[in-house]
């Protein structure tokens, strides 16, 4: 009986130790490529000194010269507003014309609702944007999605203006 108890305790201890090393890294924290053939990227563009921001191509600029990297949503909705159709068409064209470029779609929600619900809502929002980009010509292997739910607010506050800024999908380009 003592041997089986010790064996069971050892298995549980090894399981806990093994699980503690299986954490999911924050996609914005990593800043170096491991060289192991991974696809991790932080938006850096080599040693040319352009790693300070995202690549902006002229075909992403709208008629007024503005760059749109954020898609906003109504409360508790994941349906795309018609006003973003042209912007997403420009992003899809950019991706289709640049097969080496990829985009990460980061879904967000305001603080109302449970944490789990908001993670799901952020995922539905990012998938909506992904589907629109795919329909308009982007390749599936160029687009990844992640949901942060309410965890990364753009505006801190409990008013409608803050909530509206937090209901969004951010488009982040990587090379």
N, C-alpha and C. Protein backbone atom coordinates (compact mmCIF):
# COMPACT_ATOMS: atom_id res chain seq x y z
N UNK A 1 0.81 -1.19 0.00
CA UNK A 1 0.00 0.00 0.00
C UNK A 1 0.86 1.26 0.00
N UNK A 2 1.96 1.28 0.73
CA UNK A 2 2.82 2.45 0.78
C UNK A 2 3.51 2.69 -0.56
N UNK A 3 3.90 1.63 -1.26
CA UNK A 3 4.57 1.78 -2.54
C UNK A 3 3.62 2.40 -3.57
N UNK A 4 2.37 1.94 -3.58
CA UNK A 4 1.42 2.50 -4.55
C UNK A 4 1.10 3.96 -4.21
N UNK A 5 1.05 4.31 -2.93
CA UNK A 5 0.81 5.70 -2.54
C UNK A 5 1.98 6.58 -2.96
N UNK A 6 3.23 6.09 -2.75
CA UNK A 6 4.41 6.84 -3.16
C UNK A 6 4.47 7.00 -4.68
N UNK A 7 4.12 5.93 -5.39
CA UNK A 7 4.12 5.97 -6.85
C UNK A 7 3.10 6.99 -7.35
N UNK A 8 1.92 6.96 -6.76
CA UNK A 8 0.88 7.90 -7.14
C UNK A 8 1.32 9.34 -6.86
N UNK A 9 1.93 9.58 -5.71
CA UNK A 9 2.41 10.91 -5.35
C UNK A 9 3.49 11.37 -6.32
N UNK A 10 4.38 10.46 -6.72
CA UNK A 10 5.44 10.81 -7.66
C UNK A 10 4.86 11.17 -9.03
N UNK A 11 3.86 10.43 -9.48
CA UNK A 11 3.22 10.70 -10.78
C UNK A 11 2.53 12.06 -10.75
N UNK A 12 1.82 12.35 -9.67
CA UNK A 12 1.15 13.63 -9.54
C UNK A 12 2.17 14.77 -9.53
N UNK A 13 3.27 14.60 -8.79
CA UNK A 13 4.30 15.64 -8.72
C UNK A 13 4.93 15.88 -10.10
N UNK A 14 5.22 14.81 -10.83
CA UNK A 14 5.78 14.96 -12.17
C UNK A 14 4.78 15.64 -13.11
N UNK A 15 3.52 15.31 -12.97
CA UNK A 15 2.49 15.94 -13.80
C UNK A 15 2.39 17.42 -13.53
N UNK A 16 2.44 17.82 -12.27
CA UNK A 16 2.39 19.24 -11.93
C UNK A 16 3.61 19.96 -12.45
N UNK A 17 4.78 19.38 -12.31
CA UNK A 17 6.00 20.00 -12.82
C UNK A 17 5.97 20.11 -14.33
N UNK A 18 5.48 19.09 -14.99
CA UNK A 18 5.41 19.12 -16.45
C UNK A 18 4.42 20.16 -16.95
N UNK A 19 3.30 20.32 -16.27
CA UNK A 19 2.28 21.28 -16.69
C UNK A 19 2.74 22.71 -16.47
N UNK A 20 3.57 22.95 -15.48
CA UNK A 20 3.97 24.31 -15.19
C UNK A 20 4.83 24.90 -16.29
N UNK A 21 5.41 24.08 -17.14
CA UNK A 21 6.26 24.58 -18.21
C UNK A 21 5.50 24.78 -19.51
N UNK A 22 4.25 24.37 -19.57
CA UNK A 22 3.45 24.46 -20.80
C UNK A 22 2.58 25.71 -20.76
N UNK A 23 3.20 26.86 -20.73
CA UNK A 23 2.44 28.10 -20.74
C UNK A 23 2.36 28.64 -22.16
N UNK A 24 1.33 29.39 -22.40
CA UNK A 24 1.14 30.00 -23.72
C UNK A 24 1.76 31.38 -23.67
N UNK A 25 2.73 31.67 -24.53
CA UNK A 25 3.38 32.98 -24.48
C UNK A 25 2.46 34.07 -24.99
N UNK A 26 2.64 35.26 -24.46
CA UNK A 26 1.92 36.43 -24.91
C UNK A 26 2.47 36.82 -26.28
N UNK A 27 1.62 36.95 -27.31
CA UNK A 27 2.13 37.21 -28.65
C UNK A 27 2.87 38.53 -28.80
N UNK A 28 2.66 39.48 -27.90
CA UNK A 28 3.35 40.76 -28.03
C UNK A 28 4.62 40.84 -27.19
N UNK A 29 4.90 39.82 -26.37
CA UNK A 29 6.05 39.88 -25.49
C UNK A 29 7.32 39.41 -26.18
N UNK A 30 7.22 38.37 -27.01
CA UNK A 30 8.39 37.81 -27.67
C UNK A 30 8.99 38.81 -28.63
N UNK A 31 10.34 38.92 -28.61
CA UNK A 31 10.96 39.88 -29.51
C UNK A 31 12.09 39.30 -30.32
N UNK A 32 12.34 38.02 -30.19
CA UNK A 32 13.41 37.41 -30.96
C UNK A 32 12.92 36.14 -31.60
N UNK A 33 13.50 35.81 -32.72
CA UNK A 33 13.22 34.57 -33.40
C UNK A 33 14.13 33.51 -32.83
N UNK A 34 13.60 32.35 -32.51
CA UNK A 34 14.39 31.29 -31.90
C UNK A 34 15.29 30.62 -32.91
N UNK A 35 15.05 30.83 -34.18
CA UNK A 35 15.87 30.20 -35.21
C UNK A 35 15.51 28.75 -35.41
N UNK A 36 14.47 28.29 -34.74
CA UNK A 36 14.06 26.89 -34.84
C UNK A 36 13.00 26.69 -35.90
N UNK A 37 12.88 27.64 -36.80
CA UNK A 37 11.90 27.50 -37.88
C UNK A 37 10.52 27.93 -37.45
N UNK A 38 10.39 28.59 -36.30
CA UNK A 38 9.09 29.04 -35.83
C UNK A 38 8.58 30.21 -36.64
N UNK A 39 7.28 30.45 -36.53
CA UNK A 39 6.68 31.54 -37.28
C UNK A 39 6.51 32.79 -36.43
N UNK A 40 7.12 32.81 -35.23
CA UNK A 40 6.94 33.95 -34.34
C UNK A 40 7.55 35.19 -34.94
N UNK A 41 6.79 36.26 -34.90
CA UNK A 41 7.28 37.52 -35.43
C UNK A 41 6.73 38.65 -34.59
N UNK A 42 7.49 39.69 -34.44
CA UNK A 42 7.04 40.83 -33.67
C UNK A 42 6.87 42.07 -34.52
N UNK A 43 6.91 41.92 -35.80
CA UNK A 43 6.75 43.06 -36.68
C UNK A 43 8.08 43.72 -37.02
N UNK A 44 9.18 43.11 -36.64
CA UNK A 44 10.48 43.68 -36.97
C UNK A 44 10.79 43.37 -38.43
N UNK A 45 11.56 44.27 -39.07
CA UNK A 45 11.85 44.13 -40.48
C UNK A 45 13.34 44.04 -40.75
N UNK A 46 14.04 43.29 -39.92
CA UNK A 46 15.46 43.07 -40.14
C UNK A 46 16.30 44.17 -39.54
N UNK A 47 17.56 44.23 -39.95
CA UNK A 47 18.52 45.16 -39.36
C UNK A 47 18.45 46.54 -39.98
N UNK A 48 17.52 46.78 -40.84
CA UNK A 48 17.43 48.06 -41.53
C UNK A 48 16.86 49.18 -40.69
N UNK A 49 16.55 48.93 -39.44
CA UNK A 49 16.06 49.97 -38.57
C UNK A 49 14.59 50.27 -38.72
N UNK A 50 13.83 49.41 -39.38
CA UNK A 50 12.41 49.66 -39.56
C UNK A 50 11.56 48.90 -38.56
N UNK A 51 12.15 48.34 -37.52
CA UNK A 51 11.40 47.54 -36.57
C UNK A 51 10.57 48.34 -35.60
N UNK A 52 10.57 49.65 -35.70
CA UNK A 52 9.86 50.48 -34.75
C UNK A 52 8.37 50.56 -34.96
N UNK A 53 7.82 50.03 -36.03
CA UNK A 53 6.39 50.14 -36.26
C UNK A 53 5.96 49.18 -37.33
N UNK A 54 4.68 49.29 -37.68
CA UNK A 54 4.13 48.41 -38.69
C UNK A 54 4.38 48.99 -40.08
N UNK A 55 4.50 48.10 -41.05
CA UNK A 55 4.68 48.48 -42.45
C UNK A 55 3.39 49.07 -42.97
N UNK A 56 3.47 50.22 -43.59
CA UNK A 56 2.30 50.87 -44.16
C UNK A 56 2.53 51.02 -45.65
N UNK A 57 1.70 50.38 -46.42
CA UNK A 57 1.80 50.45 -47.87
C UNK A 57 0.74 51.41 -48.39
N UNK A 58 1.01 52.05 -49.52
CA UNK A 58 0.09 53.03 -50.08
C UNK A 58 -1.28 52.46 -50.41
N UNK A 59 -1.37 51.15 -50.72
CA UNK A 59 -2.67 50.60 -51.08
C UNK A 59 -3.57 50.41 -49.85
N UNK A 60 -3.05 50.63 -48.65
CA UNK A 60 -3.88 50.56 -47.45
C UNK A 60 -4.47 51.91 -47.09
N UNK A 61 -3.94 52.97 -47.68
CA UNK A 61 -4.43 54.30 -47.37
C UNK A 61 -5.72 54.56 -48.13
N UNK A 62 -6.64 55.15 -47.42
CA UNK A 62 -7.93 55.46 -48.02
C UNK A 62 -7.86 56.70 -48.87
N UNK A 63 -9.00 57.12 -49.43
CA UNK A 63 -9.04 58.30 -50.29
C UNK A 63 -8.61 59.57 -49.55
N UNK A 64 -8.80 59.59 -48.22
CA UNK A 64 -8.41 60.77 -47.45
C UNK A 64 -7.00 60.64 -46.88
N UNK A 65 -6.27 59.59 -47.28
CA UNK A 65 -4.90 59.41 -46.85
C UNK A 65 -4.74 58.82 -45.46
N UNK A 66 -5.84 58.40 -44.85
CA UNK A 66 -5.77 57.84 -43.51
C UNK A 66 -5.63 56.32 -43.55
N UNK A 67 -4.97 55.81 -42.53
CA UNK A 67 -4.74 54.38 -42.40
C UNK A 67 -5.74 53.83 -41.39
N UNK A 68 -6.44 52.78 -41.74
CA UNK A 68 -7.37 52.16 -40.81
C UNK A 68 -6.88 50.79 -40.39
N UNK A 69 -6.53 50.65 -39.14
CA UNK A 69 -6.05 49.37 -38.63
C UNK A 69 -6.98 48.80 -37.56
N UNK A 70 -8.08 49.50 -37.29
CA UNK A 70 -9.01 49.08 -36.25
C UNK A 70 -10.42 49.05 -36.82
N UNK A 71 -11.11 47.95 -36.54
CA UNK A 71 -12.50 47.78 -36.95
C UNK A 71 -13.33 47.79 -35.66
N UNK A 72 -14.33 48.66 -35.58
CA UNK A 72 -15.15 48.77 -34.37
C UNK A 72 -16.49 48.07 -34.56
N UNK A 73 -17.05 47.59 -33.45
CA UNK A 73 -18.30 46.84 -33.46
C UNK A 73 -19.29 47.45 -32.49
N UNK A 74 -20.58 47.17 -32.73
CA UNK A 74 -21.63 47.59 -31.82
C UNK A 74 -21.65 46.69 -30.60
N UNK A 75 -22.36 47.11 -29.57
CA UNK A 75 -22.46 46.37 -28.33
C UNK A 75 -22.98 44.95 -28.57
N UNK A 76 -22.25 43.98 -28.05
CA UNK A 76 -22.63 42.56 -28.09
C UNK A 76 -22.85 42.05 -29.51
N UNK A 77 -22.13 42.62 -30.49
CA UNK A 77 -22.29 42.24 -31.88
C UNK A 77 -20.95 41.82 -32.48
N UNK A 78 -21.04 40.91 -33.45
CA UNK A 78 -19.84 40.53 -34.20
C UNK A 78 -20.08 40.72 -35.70
N UNK A 79 -21.17 41.40 -36.05
CA UNK A 79 -21.45 41.70 -37.45
C UNK A 79 -20.64 42.90 -37.89
N UNK A 80 -20.10 42.82 -39.08
CA UNK A 80 -19.28 43.90 -39.63
C UNK A 80 -20.16 45.05 -40.07
N UNK A 81 -19.78 46.27 -39.71
CA UNK A 81 -20.51 47.45 -40.15
C UNK A 81 -20.16 47.73 -41.62
N UNK A 82 -21.12 48.18 -42.41
CA UNK A 82 -20.88 48.44 -43.84
C UNK A 82 -19.77 49.45 -44.09
N UNK A 83 -19.53 50.35 -43.17
CA UNK A 83 -18.51 51.39 -43.36
C UNK A 83 -17.09 50.82 -43.43
N UNK A 84 -16.89 49.56 -43.04
CA UNK A 84 -15.56 48.96 -43.06
C UNK A 84 -15.29 48.10 -44.29
N UNK A 85 -16.26 48.00 -45.19
CA UNK A 85 -16.11 47.16 -46.37
C UNK A 85 -14.92 47.59 -47.24
N UNK A 86 -14.82 48.89 -47.54
CA UNK A 86 -13.73 49.38 -48.38
C UNK A 86 -12.38 49.21 -47.70
N UNK A 87 -12.31 49.48 -46.41
CA UNK A 87 -11.06 49.34 -45.68
C UNK A 87 -10.57 47.89 -45.72
N UNK A 88 -11.47 46.95 -45.47
CA UNK A 88 -11.06 45.54 -45.49
C UNK A 88 -10.72 45.08 -46.91
N UNK A 89 -11.35 45.68 -47.92
CA UNK A 89 -10.98 45.36 -49.30
C UNK A 89 -9.54 45.80 -49.58
N UNK A 90 -9.14 46.97 -49.05
CA UNK A 90 -7.75 47.42 -49.23
C UNK A 90 -6.77 46.49 -48.51
N UNK A 91 -7.13 46.06 -47.30
CA UNK A 91 -6.27 45.13 -46.57
C UNK A 91 -6.17 43.79 -47.30
N UNK A 92 -7.27 43.30 -47.82
CA UNK A 92 -7.27 42.03 -48.55
C UNK A 92 -6.42 42.14 -49.81
N UNK A 93 -6.53 43.25 -50.53
CA UNK A 93 -5.71 43.47 -51.72
C UNK A 93 -4.24 43.51 -51.36
N UNK A 94 -3.91 44.19 -50.28
CA UNK A 94 -2.52 44.26 -49.83
C UNK A 94 -1.99 42.86 -49.53
N UNK A 95 -2.75 42.06 -48.82
CA UNK A 95 -2.32 40.70 -48.50
C UNK A 95 -2.20 39.85 -49.75
N UNK A 96 -3.15 39.97 -50.66
CA UNK A 96 -3.12 39.17 -51.90
C UNK A 96 -1.92 39.55 -52.76
N UNK A 97 -1.55 40.82 -52.78
CA UNK A 97 -0.42 41.29 -53.58
C UNK A 97 0.93 41.05 -52.91
N UNK A 98 0.93 40.71 -51.64
CA UNK A 98 2.16 40.50 -50.88
C UNK A 98 2.08 39.17 -50.13
N UNK A 99 2.31 38.05 -50.82
CA UNK A 99 2.12 36.74 -50.19
C UNK A 99 3.05 36.48 -49.01
N UNK A 100 4.14 37.21 -48.88
CA UNK A 100 5.04 37.03 -47.74
C UNK A 100 4.60 37.78 -46.50
N UNK A 101 3.58 38.58 -46.64
CA UNK A 101 3.07 39.37 -45.52
C UNK A 101 1.92 38.61 -44.86
N UNK A 102 1.84 38.72 -43.55
CA UNK A 102 0.72 38.11 -42.83
C UNK A 102 0.16 39.10 -41.83
N UNK A 103 -1.04 38.84 -41.39
CA UNK A 103 -1.72 39.73 -40.45
C UNK A 103 -2.28 38.92 -39.30
N UNK A 104 -2.19 39.50 -38.11
CA UNK A 104 -2.81 38.92 -36.92
C UNK A 104 -4.00 39.80 -36.57
N UNK A 105 -5.16 39.18 -36.45
CA UNK A 105 -6.39 39.90 -36.11
C UNK A 105 -6.66 39.69 -34.62
N UNK A 106 -6.62 40.78 -33.87
CA UNK A 106 -6.77 40.72 -32.42
C UNK A 106 -8.16 41.21 -32.03
N UNK A 107 -8.99 40.29 -31.55
CA UNK A 107 -10.35 40.63 -31.16
C UNK A 107 -10.42 41.09 -29.72
N UNK A 108 -11.26 42.11 -29.48
CA UNK A 108 -11.40 42.70 -28.15
C UNK A 108 -12.88 42.93 -27.85
N UNK A 109 -13.18 43.09 -26.57
CA UNK A 109 -14.54 43.38 -26.12
C UNK A 109 -14.47 44.39 -24.98
N UNK A 110 -15.60 45.03 -24.68
CA UNK A 110 -15.61 45.92 -23.51
C UNK A 110 -15.77 45.06 -22.26
N UNK A 111 -15.78 45.69 -21.11
CA UNK A 111 -15.73 44.97 -19.84
C UNK A 111 -17.06 44.35 -19.41
N UNK A 112 -18.12 44.67 -20.12
CA UNK A 112 -19.43 44.11 -19.74
C UNK A 112 -19.51 42.66 -20.16
N UNK A 113 -20.05 41.81 -19.34
CA UNK A 113 -20.13 40.38 -19.61
C UNK A 113 -19.02 39.64 -18.88
N UNK A 114 -19.13 38.33 -18.83
CA UNK A 114 -18.12 37.52 -18.14
C UNK A 114 -16.84 37.47 -18.96
N UNK A 115 -15.77 37.12 -18.31
CA UNK A 115 -14.47 37.01 -19.00
C UNK A 115 -14.56 36.00 -20.14
N UNK A 116 -15.18 34.85 -19.88
CA UNK A 116 -15.30 33.80 -20.88
C UNK A 116 -16.15 34.26 -22.06
N UNK A 117 -17.25 34.94 -21.77
CA UNK A 117 -18.12 35.42 -22.84
C UNK A 117 -17.35 36.42 -23.72
N UNK A 118 -16.60 37.32 -23.10
CA UNK A 118 -15.88 38.34 -23.85
C UNK A 118 -14.75 37.75 -24.68
N UNK A 119 -14.11 36.68 -24.20
CA UNK A 119 -13.10 35.99 -25.02
C UNK A 119 -13.78 35.43 -26.27
N UNK A 120 -14.94 34.81 -26.10
CA UNK A 120 -15.69 34.27 -27.24
C UNK A 120 -16.15 35.36 -28.20
N UNK A 121 -16.60 36.48 -27.65
CA UNK A 121 -17.06 37.59 -28.49
C UNK A 121 -15.89 38.18 -29.28
N UNK A 122 -14.74 38.34 -28.64
CA UNK A 122 -13.56 38.83 -29.36
C UNK A 122 -13.16 37.88 -30.47
N UNK A 123 -13.28 36.57 -30.22
CA UNK A 123 -12.95 35.57 -31.25
C UNK A 123 -13.94 35.65 -32.41
N UNK A 124 -15.24 35.77 -32.11
CA UNK A 124 -16.23 35.89 -33.19
C UNK A 124 -15.97 37.14 -34.03
N UNK A 125 -15.59 38.22 -33.39
CA UNK A 125 -15.29 39.46 -34.12
C UNK A 125 -14.08 39.28 -35.03
N UNK A 126 -13.01 38.67 -34.51
CA UNK A 126 -11.82 38.49 -35.34
C UNK A 126 -12.10 37.50 -36.48
N UNK A 127 -12.94 36.51 -36.26
CA UNK A 127 -13.29 35.57 -37.32
C UNK A 127 -14.15 36.25 -38.40
N UNK A 128 -14.99 37.18 -38.00
CA UNK A 128 -15.79 37.94 -38.98
C UNK A 128 -14.87 38.72 -39.91
N UNK A 129 -13.88 39.40 -39.34
CA UNK A 129 -12.93 40.16 -40.16
C UNK A 129 -12.12 39.21 -41.03
N UNK A 130 -11.72 38.08 -40.48
CA UNK A 130 -10.94 37.08 -41.24
C UNK A 130 -11.73 36.60 -42.45
N UNK A 131 -13.00 36.25 -42.24
CA UNK A 131 -13.84 35.78 -43.36
C UNK A 131 -13.94 36.82 -44.46
N UNK A 132 -14.09 38.08 -44.09
CA UNK A 132 -14.20 39.14 -45.09
C UNK A 132 -12.90 39.28 -45.87
N UNK A 133 -11.75 39.19 -45.19
CA UNK A 133 -10.47 39.27 -45.88
C UNK A 133 -10.29 38.09 -46.83
N UNK A 134 -10.71 36.90 -46.41
CA UNK A 134 -10.60 35.72 -47.28
C UNK A 134 -11.50 35.83 -48.50
N UNK A 135 -12.71 36.32 -48.31
CA UNK A 135 -13.64 36.49 -49.42
C UNK A 135 -13.09 37.45 -50.45
N UNK A 136 -12.35 38.45 -49.98
CA UNK A 136 -11.85 39.49 -50.88
C UNK A 136 -10.44 39.23 -51.39
N UNK A 137 -9.91 38.02 -51.21
CA UNK A 137 -8.67 37.67 -51.89
C UNK A 137 -7.46 37.32 -51.05
N UNK A 138 -7.50 37.53 -49.75
CA UNK A 138 -6.36 37.16 -48.91
C UNK A 138 -6.29 35.65 -48.78
N UNK A 139 -5.12 35.13 -48.50
CA UNK A 139 -4.92 33.69 -48.34
C UNK A 139 -5.07 33.31 -46.87
N UNK A 140 -5.63 32.14 -46.62
CA UNK A 140 -5.87 31.68 -45.24
C UNK A 140 -4.59 31.57 -44.43
N UNK A 141 -3.48 31.21 -45.07
CA UNK A 141 -2.23 31.06 -44.32
C UNK A 141 -1.59 32.40 -43.97
N UNK A 142 -2.14 33.50 -44.45
CA UNK A 142 -1.62 34.83 -44.13
C UNK A 142 -2.30 35.43 -42.90
N UNK A 143 -3.37 34.83 -42.44
CA UNK A 143 -4.19 35.46 -41.40
C UNK A 143 -4.28 34.55 -40.19
N UNK A 144 -3.96 35.11 -39.03
CA UNK A 144 -4.17 34.40 -37.77
C UNK A 144 -5.07 35.27 -36.90
N UNK A 145 -5.76 34.63 -35.97
CA UNK A 145 -6.66 35.36 -35.09
C UNK A 145 -6.34 35.04 -33.64
N UNK A 146 -6.62 35.99 -32.79
CA UNK A 146 -6.48 35.81 -31.35
C UNK A 146 -7.53 36.70 -30.68
N UNK A 147 -8.03 36.26 -29.54
CA UNK A 147 -8.99 37.06 -28.80
C UNK A 147 -8.41 37.41 -27.44
N UNK A 148 -8.45 38.68 -27.11
CA UNK A 148 -8.03 39.13 -25.79
C UNK A 148 -9.22 39.48 -24.91
N UNK A 149 -10.43 39.37 -25.47
CA UNK A 149 -11.62 39.69 -24.68
C UNK A 149 -11.54 41.11 -24.13
N UNK A 150 -11.74 41.23 -22.83
CA UNK A 150 -11.72 42.53 -22.17
C UNK A 150 -10.36 42.85 -21.55
N UNK A 151 -9.38 41.97 -21.75
CA UNK A 151 -8.10 42.06 -21.04
C UNK A 151 -7.18 43.18 -21.49
N UNK A 152 -7.34 43.71 -22.68
CA UNK A 152 -6.47 44.78 -23.20
C UNK A 152 -7.30 45.95 -23.71
N UNK A 153 -7.86 46.71 -22.81
CA UNK A 153 -8.72 47.82 -23.25
C UNK A 153 -7.92 48.93 -23.92
N UNK A 154 -8.52 49.54 -24.92
CA UNK A 154 -7.92 50.70 -25.57
C UNK A 154 -8.20 51.95 -24.75
N UNK A 155 -9.33 51.94 -24.05
CA UNK A 155 -9.72 53.07 -23.20
C UNK A 155 -10.20 52.52 -21.86
N UNK A 156 -9.73 53.14 -20.79
CA UNK A 156 -10.14 52.71 -19.45
C UNK A 156 -11.27 53.62 -19.02
N UNK A 157 -12.36 53.02 -18.64
CA UNK A 157 -13.51 53.80 -18.20
C UNK A 157 -14.76 52.95 -18.28
N UNK A 158 -15.79 53.40 -17.59
CA UNK A 158 -17.06 52.67 -17.58
C UNK A 158 -18.17 53.52 -18.18
N UNK A 159 -17.84 54.21 -19.26
CA UNK A 159 -18.84 55.00 -19.97
C UNK A 159 -18.94 54.49 -21.41
N UNK A 160 -19.95 54.92 -22.11
CA UNK A 160 -20.20 54.42 -23.46
C UNK A 160 -19.06 54.73 -24.42
N UNK A 161 -18.42 55.88 -24.26
CA UNK A 161 -17.30 56.23 -25.14
C UNK A 161 -16.14 55.25 -24.98
N UNK A 162 -15.82 54.89 -23.75
CA UNK A 162 -14.76 53.91 -23.50
C UNK A 162 -15.16 52.54 -24.02
N UNK A 163 -16.40 52.14 -23.73
CA UNK A 163 -16.87 50.84 -24.21
C UNK A 163 -16.76 50.75 -25.73
N UNK A 164 -17.16 51.82 -26.44
CA UNK A 164 -17.14 51.81 -27.90
C UNK A 164 -15.72 51.65 -28.44
N UNK A 165 -14.73 52.24 -27.78
CA UNK A 165 -13.34 52.10 -28.22
C UNK A 165 -12.79 50.70 -27.96
N UNK A 166 -13.37 49.99 -27.02
CA UNK A 166 -12.87 48.66 -26.65
C UNK A 166 -13.52 47.54 -27.45
N UNK A 167 -14.60 47.79 -28.13
CA UNK A 167 -15.26 46.78 -28.98
C UNK A 167 -14.64 46.83 -30.36
N UNK A 168 -13.56 46.05 -30.57
CA UNK A 168 -12.78 46.25 -31.79
C UNK A 168 -12.03 44.99 -32.20
N UNK A 169 -11.53 45.03 -33.43
CA UNK A 169 -10.53 44.09 -33.94
C UNK A 169 -9.39 44.95 -34.46
N UNK A 170 -8.18 44.67 -33.97
CA UNK A 170 -6.99 45.38 -34.45
C UNK A 170 -6.28 44.50 -35.47
N UNK A 171 -5.84 45.12 -36.55
CA UNK A 171 -5.10 44.40 -37.61
C UNK A 171 -3.63 44.72 -37.42
N UNK A 172 -2.83 43.69 -37.14
CA UNK A 172 -1.39 43.86 -36.92
C UNK A 172 -0.64 43.09 -38.01
N UNK A 173 0.17 43.80 -38.78
CA UNK A 173 0.94 43.17 -39.85
C UNK A 173 2.27 42.65 -39.35
N UNK A 174 2.67 41.51 -39.90
CA UNK A 174 3.98 40.91 -39.64
C UNK A 174 4.57 40.53 -40.98
N UNK A 175 5.86 40.35 -41.02
CA UNK A 175 6.52 39.95 -42.28
C UNK A 175 7.02 38.54 -42.16
